[in-house]
N, C-alpha and C. Protein backbone atom coordinates (compact mmCIF):
# COMPACT_ATOMS: atom_id res chain seq x y z
N MET A 1 -30.11 -19.15 10.47
CA MET A 1 -30.04 -17.43 10.48
C MET A 1 -28.37 -17.23 10.85
N LYS A 2 -27.73 -17.92 11.31
CA LYS A 2 -26.19 -17.86 11.80
C LYS A 2 -25.50 -18.18 10.55
N ARG A 3 -25.89 -19.36 10.28
CA ARG A 3 -25.17 -19.21 8.92
C ARG A 3 -25.51 -18.45 7.69
N ALA A 4 -26.06 -18.00 7.70
CA ALA A 4 -26.76 -16.69 6.93
C ALA A 4 -25.50 -15.83 6.76
N ILE A 5 -25.57 -15.04 8.52
CA ILE A 5 -24.80 -14.15 8.73
C ILE A 5 -23.32 -14.41 8.16
N ARG A 6 -23.32 -15.28 9.24
CA ARG A 6 -21.29 -15.81 8.53
C ARG A 6 -20.93 -16.01 7.13
N ILE A 7 -21.69 -16.38 6.38
CA ILE A 7 -21.72 -16.77 4.96
C ILE A 7 -21.48 -14.76 4.48
N SER A 8 -22.60 -14.42 4.82
CA SER A 8 -22.16 -12.74 4.43
C SER A 8 -21.39 -12.09 4.71
N ILE A 9 -20.81 -12.20 6.55
CA ILE A 9 -19.63 -11.64 6.40
C ILE A 9 -18.38 -12.07 5.31
N LEU A 10 -18.10 -13.31 5.35
CA LEU A 10 -17.26 -13.54 4.53
C LEU A 10 -17.49 -13.72 3.33
N MET A 11 -18.43 -13.19 2.69
CA MET A 11 -18.30 -12.56 1.16
C MET A 11 -18.11 -11.27 1.22
N VAL A 12 -18.66 -10.24 2.13
CA VAL A 12 -18.09 -9.06 2.47
C VAL A 12 -16.81 -8.76 2.64
N GLY A 13 -15.88 -9.65 3.28
CA GLY A 13 -14.32 -9.93 3.35
C GLY A 13 -13.66 -9.79 2.09
N LEU A 14 -14.39 -10.87 1.56
CA LEU A 14 -13.40 -11.37 0.36
C LEU A 14 -13.94 -10.53 -0.64
N VAL A 15 -14.89 -9.95 -1.05
CA VAL A 15 -15.07 -9.01 -1.71
C VAL A 15 -14.24 -7.66 -1.97
N GLY A 16 -13.97 -7.38 -0.77
CA GLY A 16 -13.49 -6.08 -0.02
C GLY A 16 -12.04 -6.34 -0.69
N THR A 17 -11.24 -7.78 -0.23
CA THR A 17 -10.17 -7.88 -1.15
C THR A 17 -10.08 -7.66 -2.17
N TYR A 18 -10.78 -8.27 -3.00
CA TYR A 18 -10.70 -7.69 -4.12
C TYR A 18 -10.79 -6.17 -4.92
N VAL A 19 -11.45 -5.52 -4.14
CA VAL A 19 -11.55 -3.90 -4.08
C VAL A 19 -10.43 -3.37 -3.94
N ALA A 20 -9.81 -3.52 -2.86
CA ALA A 20 -8.69 -3.23 -2.06
C ALA A 20 -7.55 -3.62 -2.91
N ALA A 21 -7.39 -4.97 -3.55
CA ALA A 21 -6.30 -4.94 -4.83
C ALA A 21 -6.72 -3.91 -5.98
N ALA A 22 -7.54 -3.91 -6.34
CA ALA A 22 -8.17 -2.96 -7.55
C ALA A 22 -7.71 -2.14 -7.36
N VAL A 23 -7.77 -1.07 -6.19
CA VAL A 23 -7.49 -0.07 -6.14
C VAL A 23 -6.16 0.35 -6.72
N GLN A 24 -5.65 1.74 -7.43
CA GLN A 24 -4.12 1.98 -7.90
C GLN A 24 -3.61 2.61 -6.66
N GLN A 25 -2.26 2.07 -6.74
CA GLN A 25 -1.38 2.89 -5.63
C GLN A 25 -1.29 4.17 -6.08
N VAL A 26 -1.00 5.40 -4.56
CA VAL A 26 -0.75 6.78 -4.99
C VAL A 26 0.51 6.80 -5.11
N PRO A 27 1.14 7.44 -6.35
CA PRO A 27 2.05 7.60 -6.27
C PRO A 27 3.15 8.58 -5.66
N ALA A 28 4.38 8.57 -5.45
CA ALA A 28 5.21 9.37 -4.49
C ALA A 28 5.19 10.42 -5.39
N ALA A 29 5.48 11.73 -4.56
CA ALA A 29 5.30 13.06 -4.75
C ALA A 29 6.36 13.53 -6.17
N ASP A 30 7.25 12.69 -6.20
CA ASP A 30 8.53 12.97 -7.01
C ASP A 30 7.88 12.12 -8.75
N GLY A 31 7.11 11.18 -8.41
CA GLY A 31 6.88 10.36 -9.28
C GLY A 31 7.81 9.20 -9.72
N GLY A 32 9.22 8.81 -8.32
CA GLY A 32 9.84 7.88 -8.03
C GLY A 32 9.21 7.06 -6.90
N PRO A 33 9.99 6.09 -6.79
CA PRO A 33 10.03 5.20 -5.48
C PRO A 33 10.69 6.18 -4.28
N ILE A 34 10.19 5.91 -3.15
CA ILE A 34 10.55 6.55 -1.97
C ILE A 34 11.72 6.00 -2.04
N LEU A 35 12.72 7.37 -1.46
CA LEU A 35 14.37 6.96 -1.30
C LEU A 35 14.61 6.66 0.07
N VAL A 36 15.53 6.01 0.10
CA VAL A 36 15.72 5.48 1.81
C VAL A 36 17.36 5.43 1.81
N CYS A 37 17.86 5.71 2.60
CA CYS A 37 19.41 4.95 3.18
C CYS A 37 19.58 3.73 3.32
N PRO A 38 20.61 3.29 2.81
CA PRO A 38 21.20 1.46 2.87
C PRO A 38 21.56 1.77 4.76
N PRO A 39 21.16 0.52 4.97
CA PRO A 39 21.23 0.32 6.20
C PRO A 39 22.79 0.17 6.25
N ARG A 40 23.19 0.64 7.56
CA ARG A 40 24.92 1.11 8.25
C ARG A 40 25.50 1.60 7.55
N GLN A 41 25.22 2.73 7.08
CA GLN A 41 25.84 4.03 6.58
C GLN A 41 25.64 5.19 7.50
N THR A 42 26.90 5.68 7.48
CA THR A 42 26.60 6.75 8.65
C THR A 42 26.46 7.61 7.95
N ASN A 43 27.20 8.20 6.66
CA ASN A 43 26.92 9.54 6.07
C ASN A 43 25.96 9.21 4.64
N CYS A 44 24.66 9.85 4.56
CA CYS A 44 23.52 9.66 3.91
C CYS A 44 23.24 11.06 3.31
N GLN A 45 23.05 10.99 2.31
CA GLN A 45 22.59 12.11 1.76
C GLN A 45 22.14 11.62 0.15
N MET A 46 20.39 12.25 0.12
CA MET A 46 19.31 11.52 -1.10
C MET A 46 19.71 12.81 -1.95
N ASN A 47 20.03 12.61 -3.04
CA ASN A 47 19.93 13.30 -4.68
C ASN A 47 18.56 13.16 -4.74
N LEU A 48 17.63 14.70 -4.24
CA LEU A 48 16.22 14.54 -4.87
C LEU A 48 16.37 16.03 -6.04
N PRO A 49 15.61 15.21 -6.65
CA PRO A 49 15.36 16.53 -8.22
C PRO A 49 14.41 17.89 -7.46
N PRO A 50 15.25 18.92 -8.18
CA PRO A 50 14.60 20.34 -7.24
C PRO A 50 13.03 20.32 -8.02
N GLN A 51 12.08 21.06 -7.02
CA GLN A 51 10.84 21.28 -7.42
C GLN A 51 10.96 22.72 -7.92
């Protein structure tokens, strides 16, 4: 009985992994990647498109 419970928990985890990998990623609001400043840059200005 314990073995059946362990197998079912492992199968749920395995199927959940594949389902999570199959879900499409949510795009950013502007349709592009998330813009971040390079490290060690003191003056950072991001050129975002007008909305």
